[in-house]
Amino acid sequence: MIRRIINFYSEGFSNMRLGKTLWLVVLVKLVVIFVVLRLFFMPDILSERAGEGNEADYVSTQMTERAGL
């Protein structure tokens, strides 16, 4: 059954013309969207606020301060 499913998709994609182009456009858009989101909206705060090698200390301090311990 798995072989039939794989064969179904492989034959379907091999006979496509416009579909391949559309899938390529979709994949390129997804990559661009995630790269842009990562660069602009998800800064690397840990490396900015904690010194090199002090990441674990920074995280534990932040967790205990927020928990009120």
Protein backbone atom coordinates (compact mmCIF):
# COMPACT_ATOMS: atom_id res chain seq x y z
CA MET A 1 0.00 0.00 0.00
CA ILE A 2 2.83 2.42 0.83
CA ARG A 3 4.43 1.63 -2.52
CA ARG A 4 1.16 2.47 -4.30
CA ILE A 5 0.95 5.82 -2.49
CA ILE A 6 4.55 6.69 -3.38
CA ASN A 7 3.95 5.64 -6.98
CA PHE A 8 0.77 7.75 -7.13
CA TYR A 9 2.58 10.91 -6.03
CA SER A 10 5.69 10.32 -8.13
CA GLU A 11 3.62 9.80 -11.30
CA GLY A 12 1.48 12.81 -10.48
CA PHE A 13 4.45 15.13 -10.03
CA SER A 14 6.28 13.79 -13.08
CA ASN A 15 3.30 14.58 -15.34
CA MET A 16 2.83 18.12 -14.04
CA ARG A 17 4.04 21.22 -15.81
CA LEU A 18 2.34 24.16 -14.18
CA GLY A 19 2.11 22.37 -10.85
CA LYS A 20 5.89 22.08 -10.51
CA THR A 21 6.26 25.79 -11.09
CA LEU A 22 3.55 26.60 -8.58
CA TRP A 23 5.11 24.32 -5.96
CA LEU A 24 8.46 25.99 -6.54
CA VAL A 25 6.87 29.42 -6.06
CA VAL A 26 5.19 28.26 -2.85
CA LEU A 27 8.45 26.84 -1.46
CA VAL A 28 10.42 29.98 -2.32
CA LYS A 29 7.77 32.16 -0.67
CA LEU A 30 7.83 30.04 2.49
CA VAL A 31 11.61 30.23 2.72
CA VAL A 32 11.58 33.99 2.22
CA ILE A 33 8.79 34.49 4.75
CA PHE A 34 10.52 32.43 7.44
CA VAL A 35 13.91 34.05 6.83
CA VAL A 36 12.40 37.55 7.03
CA LEU A 37 10.41 36.67 10.15
CA ARG A 38 13.49 35.18 11.78
CA LEU A 39 15.68 38.20 11.02
CA PHE A 40 13.27 40.97 11.98
CA PHE A 41 10.93 39.54 14.57
CA MET A 42 13.01 36.98 16.46
CA PRO A 43 16.23 38.62 17.61
CA ASP A 44 18.81 36.56 19.49
CA ILE A 45 18.17 38.09 22.90
CA LEU A 46 20.19 35.50 24.77
CA SER A 47 23.43 36.36 23.02
CA GLU A 48 22.77 40.10 23.46
CA ARG A 49 21.99 40.05 27.19
CA ALA A 50 24.14 37.17 28.43
CA GLY A 51 27.86 37.09 27.92
CA GLU A 52 29.49 34.27 26.05
CA GLY A 53 29.49 31.21 28.24
CA ASN A 54 27.00 32.70 30.72
CA GLU A 55 23.80 31.71 28.95
CA ALA A 56 22.78 29.10 31.55
CA ASP A 57 23.30 31.54 34.41
CA TYR A 58 21.26 34.22 32.66
CA VAL A 59 18.37 31.84 31.99
CA SER A 60 18.31 30.48 35.54
CA THR A 61 18.41 34.01 36.97
CA GLN A 62 15.53 35.13 34.77
CA MET A 63 13.46 32.08 35.67
CA THR A 64 13.96 32.47 39.42
CA GLU A 65 13.27 36.22 39.34
CA ARG A 66 10.03 35.79 37.43
CA ALA A 67 8.92 32.96 39.68
CA GLY A 68 9.50 35.15 42.72
CA LEU A 69 11.97 32.79 44.33
